[in-house]
Structures are given as C-alpha cells and as structure tokens.
Amino acid sequence: MAEGKKRFKAHINGKNYVIVGDSTPEHMKAVVDVVNQQLAEIKEILPTISDEKAAILLAVNAVSDQIYKAAELKRIEQINEHSNRTE
C-alpha cells in the first residue's frame, strides 16, 4: 500500500467494501452516506432497476456534476484573473 494511504471499511447498498485512499475517515463516511442516499433515491424512483444499473446511473450523475463544477470553477478563476489585471 502506498505511503499515506488508509483502508476504510464501507457498507454500500448492503455490501461491504474496503476503500483505499488518503482521505480522512470522516470524509469517507460522508461519501459513503451520500452514495447510499443517492442509490436509495434512484431505487425509489426506479424500483426495478438492477444494482449495477443504479450504480452506473449514480456514477454518470456524479461525473456530470463534476464536469459542471469544474467549468464553473474555471469561469470563476477567469473572472478573478480579469479582476486582478484591472486593479
């Protein structure tokens, strides 16, 4: 295991996983809580969806959000750069 990496035991959608990373246990607990909440919401809306398809849908939603947030961050950075040049 790489230096600084920690093992975190997670219970997601009724299954146990070990996640390896450098995040704090508090962060990983928050991540697992959100994943479980979002999976539950997907299954409530689409009760017959398979676990695999629900996980794929959750991943697509997460990546989509990440792309939107990255674009927004870039836009804010450009505004700040422009503001700094005009001061």
N, C-alpha and C. Protein backbone atom coordinates (compact mmCIF):
# COMPACT_ATOMS: atom_id res chain seq x y z
N MET A 1 0.85 -1.17 0.00
CA MET A 1 0.00 0.00 0.00
C MET A 1 0.90 1.24 0.00
N ALA A 2 0.56 2.23 -0.81
CA ALA A 2 1.37 3.43 -0.92
C ALA A 2 1.38 4.19 0.41
N GLU A 3 2.46 4.92 0.64
CA GLU A 3 2.59 5.66 1.88
C GLU A 3 1.48 6.70 2.01
N GLY A 4 0.93 6.81 3.21
CA GLY A 4 -0.13 7.77 3.46
C GLY A 4 -1.52 7.26 3.13
N LYS A 5 -1.62 6.12 2.48
CA LYS A 5 -2.92 5.56 2.12
C LYS A 5 -3.52 4.86 3.33
N LYS A 6 -4.84 5.00 3.46
CA LYS A 6 -5.54 4.37 4.57
C LYS A 6 -6.61 3.45 4.02
N ARG A 7 -6.94 2.43 4.79
CA ARG A 7 -8.01 1.50 4.42
C ARG A 7 -9.26 1.93 5.18
N PHE A 8 -10.36 1.99 4.45
CA PHE A 8 -11.63 2.39 5.06
C PHE A 8 -12.67 1.34 4.73
N LYS A 9 -13.31 0.79 5.76
CA LYS A 9 -14.36 -0.21 5.55
C LYS A 9 -15.67 0.53 5.31
N ALA A 10 -16.34 0.17 4.21
CA ALA A 10 -17.58 0.83 3.83
C ALA A 10 -18.68 -0.19 3.60
N HIS A 11 -19.87 0.16 3.98
CA HIS A 11 -21.05 -0.67 3.74
C HIS A 11 -21.94 0.11 2.76
N ILE A 12 -21.95 -0.32 1.50
CA ILE A 12 -22.66 0.40 0.44
C ILE A 12 -23.69 -0.53 -0.18
N ASN A 13 -24.93 -0.09 -0.16
CA ASN A 13 -26.02 -0.82 -0.79
C ASN A 13 -26.05 -2.29 -0.33
N GLY A 14 -25.83 -2.49 0.98
CA GLY A 14 -25.92 -3.83 1.53
C GLY A 14 -24.69 -4.69 1.37
N LYS A 15 -23.62 -4.14 0.81
CA LYS A 15 -22.40 -4.92 0.58
C LYS A 15 -21.22 -4.22 1.26
N ASN A 16 -20.26 -5.01 1.67
CA ASN A 16 -19.07 -4.47 2.32
C ASN A 16 -17.94 -4.26 1.32
N TYR A 17 -17.24 -3.15 1.47
CA TYR A 17 -16.11 -2.81 0.61
C TYR A 17 -14.98 -2.27 1.47
N VAL A 18 -13.76 -2.40 0.98
CA VAL A 18 -12.62 -1.73 1.58
C VAL A 18 -12.12 -0.73 0.55
N ILE A 19 -12.11 0.53 0.96
CA ILE A 19 -11.69 1.61 0.07
C ILE A 19 -10.32 2.09 0.55
N VAL A 20 -9.38 2.21 -0.37
CA VAL A 20 -8.04 2.65 -0.03
C VAL A 20 -7.85 4.05 -0.59
N GLY A 21 -7.39 4.97 0.26
CA GLY A 21 -7.17 6.33 -0.18
C GLY A 21 -6.51 7.15 0.90
N ASP A 22 -6.37 8.44 0.66
CA ASP A 22 -5.72 9.30 1.64
C ASP A 22 -6.69 10.27 2.31
N SER A 23 -7.98 10.05 2.13
CA SER A 23 -8.98 10.90 2.77
C SER A 23 -9.16 10.53 4.23
N THR A 24 -9.73 11.44 4.98
CA THR A 24 -9.99 11.17 6.39
C THR A 24 -11.17 10.21 6.53
N PRO A 25 -11.25 9.51 7.64
CA PRO A 25 -12.42 8.65 7.87
C PRO A 25 -13.73 9.44 7.84
N GLU A 26 -13.71 10.66 8.33
CA GLU A 26 -14.91 11.50 8.31
C GLU A 26 -15.36 11.80 6.88
N HIS A 27 -14.39 12.09 6.03
CA HIS A 27 -14.71 12.36 4.62
C HIS A 27 -15.28 11.11 3.96
N MET A 28 -14.64 9.98 4.18
CA MET A 28 -15.11 8.75 3.55
C MET A 28 -16.50 8.35 4.06
N LYS A 29 -16.76 8.58 5.35
CA LYS A 29 -18.09 8.30 5.88
C LYS A 29 -19.12 9.18 5.19
N ALA A 30 -18.79 10.46 5.00
CA ALA A 30 -19.70 11.37 4.31
C ALA A 30 -19.94 10.90 2.87
N VAL A 31 -18.89 10.46 2.19
CA VAL A 31 -19.02 9.96 0.82
C VAL A 31 -19.93 8.73 0.79
N VAL A 32 -19.68 7.78 1.67
CA VAL A 32 -20.49 6.56 1.71
C VAL A 32 -21.95 6.89 2.03
N ASP A 33 -22.17 7.83 2.94
CA ASP A 33 -23.55 8.23 3.28
C ASP A 33 -24.27 8.82 2.06
N VAL A 34 -23.57 9.67 1.31
CA VAL A 34 -24.18 10.27 0.12
C VAL A 34 -24.44 9.20 -0.95
N VAL A 35 -23.50 8.30 -1.15
CA VAL A 35 -23.68 7.23 -2.14
C VAL A 35 -24.90 6.39 -1.77
N ASN A 36 -24.99 5.99 -0.51
CA ASN A 36 -26.15 5.19 -0.09
C ASN A 36 -27.45 5.96 -0.24
N GLN A 37 -27.43 7.24 0.08
CA GLN A 37 -28.63 8.06 -0.06
C GLN A 37 -29.04 8.17 -1.53
N GLN A 38 -28.07 8.42 -2.40
CA GLN A 38 -28.39 8.58 -3.81
C GLN A 38 -28.83 7.26 -4.43
N LEU A 39 -28.23 6.15 -4.04
CA LEU A 39 -28.68 4.85 -4.53
C LEU A 39 -30.12 4.58 -4.09
N ALA A 40 -30.43 4.92 -2.83
CA ALA A 40 -31.80 4.74 -2.33
C ALA A 40 -32.78 5.59 -3.12
N GLU A 41 -32.40 6.82 -3.44
CA GLU A 41 -33.28 7.71 -4.22
C GLU A 41 -33.51 7.15 -5.63
N ILE A 42 -32.45 6.65 -6.25
CA ILE A 42 -32.58 6.07 -7.59
C ILE A 42 -33.52 4.87 -7.54
N LYS A 43 -33.35 4.02 -6.54
CA LYS A 43 -34.19 2.82 -6.42
C LYS A 43 -35.63 3.17 -6.07
N GLU A 44 -35.83 4.28 -5.39
CA GLU A 44 -37.19 4.72 -5.08
C GLU A 44 -37.90 5.18 -6.36
N ILE A 45 -37.16 5.89 -7.19
CA ILE A 45 -37.73 6.40 -8.46
C ILE A 45 -37.89 5.26 -9.47
N LEU A 46 -36.91 4.36 -9.50
CA LEU A 46 -36.91 3.24 -10.45
C LEU A 46 -36.79 1.93 -9.66
N PRO A 47 -37.87 1.46 -9.05
CA PRO A 47 -37.79 0.31 -8.15
C PRO A 47 -37.29 -0.99 -8.79
N THR A 48 -37.42 -1.14 -10.08
CA THR A 48 -37.00 -2.39 -10.72
C THR A 48 -35.58 -2.33 -11.28
N ILE A 49 -34.89 -1.22 -11.09
CA ILE A 49 -33.54 -1.08 -11.64
C ILE A 49 -32.58 -2.04 -10.92
N SER A 50 -31.67 -2.62 -11.66
CA SER A 50 -30.68 -3.52 -11.06
C SER A 50 -29.66 -2.69 -10.28
N ASP A 51 -28.97 -3.36 -9.35
CA ASP A 51 -27.93 -2.68 -8.58
C ASP A 51 -26.86 -2.12 -9.51
N GLU A 52 -26.49 -2.91 -10.53
CA GLU A 52 -25.45 -2.46 -11.46
C GLU A 52 -25.89 -1.21 -12.21
N LYS A 53 -27.10 -1.21 -12.73
CA LYS A 53 -27.58 -0.04 -13.48
C LYS A 53 -27.73 1.17 -12.57
N ALA A 54 -28.17 0.96 -11.33
CA ALA A 54 -28.28 2.07 -10.39
C ALA A 54 -26.90 2.67 -10.10
N ALA A 55 -25.89 1.80 -9.95
CA ALA A 55 -24.53 2.28 -9.70
C ALA A 55 -23.98 3.05 -10.90
N ILE A 56 -24.27 2.56 -12.11
CA ILE A 56 -23.82 3.26 -13.32
C ILE A 56 -24.51 4.62 -13.42
N LEU A 57 -25.80 4.68 -13.14
CA LEU A 57 -26.53 5.94 -13.18
C LEU A 57 -25.97 6.91 -12.15
N LEU A 58 -25.69 6.42 -10.95
CA LEU A 58 -25.09 7.27 -9.92
C LEU A 58 -23.74 7.80 -10.38
N ALA A 59 -22.92 6.95 -10.99
CA ALA A 59 -21.60 7.37 -11.49
C ALA A 59 -21.73 8.43 -12.58
N VAL A 60 -22.67 8.22 -13.50
CA VAL A 60 -22.88 9.20 -14.57
C VAL A 60 -23.30 10.54 -13.98
N ASN A 61 -24.22 10.51 -13.02
CA ASN A 61 -24.65 11.75 -12.37
C ASN A 61 -23.49 12.44 -11.67
N ALA A 62 -22.65 11.66 -10.98
CA ALA A 62 -21.52 12.22 -10.25
C ALA A 62 -20.51 12.87 -11.20
N VAL A 63 -20.21 12.19 -12.30
CA VAL A 63 -19.25 12.74 -13.27
C VAL A 63 -19.83 13.98 -13.94
N SER A 64 -21.11 13.95 -14.25
CA SER A 64 -21.76 15.12 -14.83
C SER A 64 -21.65 16.32 -13.88
N ASP A 65 -21.95 16.10 -12.60
CA ASP A 65 -21.82 17.18 -11.62
C ASP A 65 -20.38 17.68 -11.54
N GLN A 66 -19.42 16.76 -11.59
CA GLN A 66 -18.01 17.13 -11.52
C GLN A 66 -17.62 18.01 -12.71
N ILE A 67 -18.10 17.67 -13.90
CA ILE A 67 -17.78 18.47 -15.09
C ILE A 67 -18.40 19.86 -14.99
N TYR A 68 -19.64 19.94 -14.53
CA TYR A 68 -20.28 21.25 -14.34
C TYR A 68 -19.50 22.09 -13.32
N LYS A 69 -19.09 21.48 -12.22
CA LYS A 69 -18.37 22.21 -11.18
C LYS A 69 -16.99 22.65 -11.67
N ALA A 70 -16.32 21.83 -12.45
CA ALA A 70 -15.01 22.19 -13.00
C ALA A 70 -15.15 23.39 -13.95
N ALA A 71 -16.20 23.39 -14.76
CA ALA A 71 -16.43 24.52 -15.68
C ALA A 71 -16.74 25.78 -14.89
N GLU A 72 -17.52 25.66 -13.83
CA GLU A 72 -17.86 26.82 -13.00
C GLU A 72 -16.61 27.35 -12.31
N LEU A 73 -15.76 26.46 -11.81
CA LEU A 73 -14.51 26.89 -11.18
C LEU A 73 -13.62 27.61 -12.17
N LYS A 74 -13.53 27.08 -13.38
CA LYS A 74 -12.72 27.74 -14.42
C LYS A 74 -13.27 29.14 -14.73
N ARG A 75 -14.60 29.24 -14.81
CA ARG A 75 -15.22 30.54 -15.07
C ARG A 75 -14.90 31.53 -13.94
N ILE A 76 -14.97 31.09 -12.70
CA ILE A 76 -14.67 31.95 -11.56
C ILE A 76 -13.21 32.35 -11.56
N GLU A 77 -12.32 31.42 -11.88
CA GLU A 77 -10.89 31.74 -11.94
C GLU A 77 -10.62 32.78 -13.02
N GLN A 78 -11.29 32.67 -14.16
CA GLN A 78 -11.11 33.65 -15.24
C GLN A 78 -11.61 35.03 -14.81
N ILE A 79 -12.73 35.07 -14.10
CA ILE A 79 -13.25 36.34 -13.59
C ILE A 79 -12.25 36.96 -12.62
N ASN A 80 -11.68 36.12 -11.72
CA ASN A 80 -10.71 36.62 -10.75
C ASN A 80 -9.45 37.12 -11.44
N GLU A 81 -8.97 36.40 -12.45
CA GLU A 81 -7.78 36.84 -13.20
C GLU A 81 -8.04 38.18 -13.87
N HIS A 82 -9.20 38.31 -14.48
CA HIS A 82 -9.56 39.57 -15.13
C HIS A 82 -9.66 40.70 -14.12
N SER A 83 -10.24 40.41 -12.97
CA SER A 83 -10.38 41.40 -11.90
C SER A 83 -9.03 41.82 -11.37
N ASN A 84 -8.11 40.88 -11.21
CA ASN A 84 -6.77 41.19 -10.71
C ASN A 84 -5.98 42.04 -11.70
N ARG A 85 -6.19 41.84 -13.00
CA ARG A 85 -5.47 42.61 -14.01
C ARG A 85 -5.98 44.04 -14.09
N THR A 86 -7.22 44.28 -13.73
CA THR A 86 -7.79 45.63 -13.86
C THR A 86 -7.65 46.44 -12.57
N GLU A 87 -7.09 45.85 -11.54
CA GLU A 87 -6.92 46.60 -10.27
C GLU A 87 -5.67 47.43 -10.30
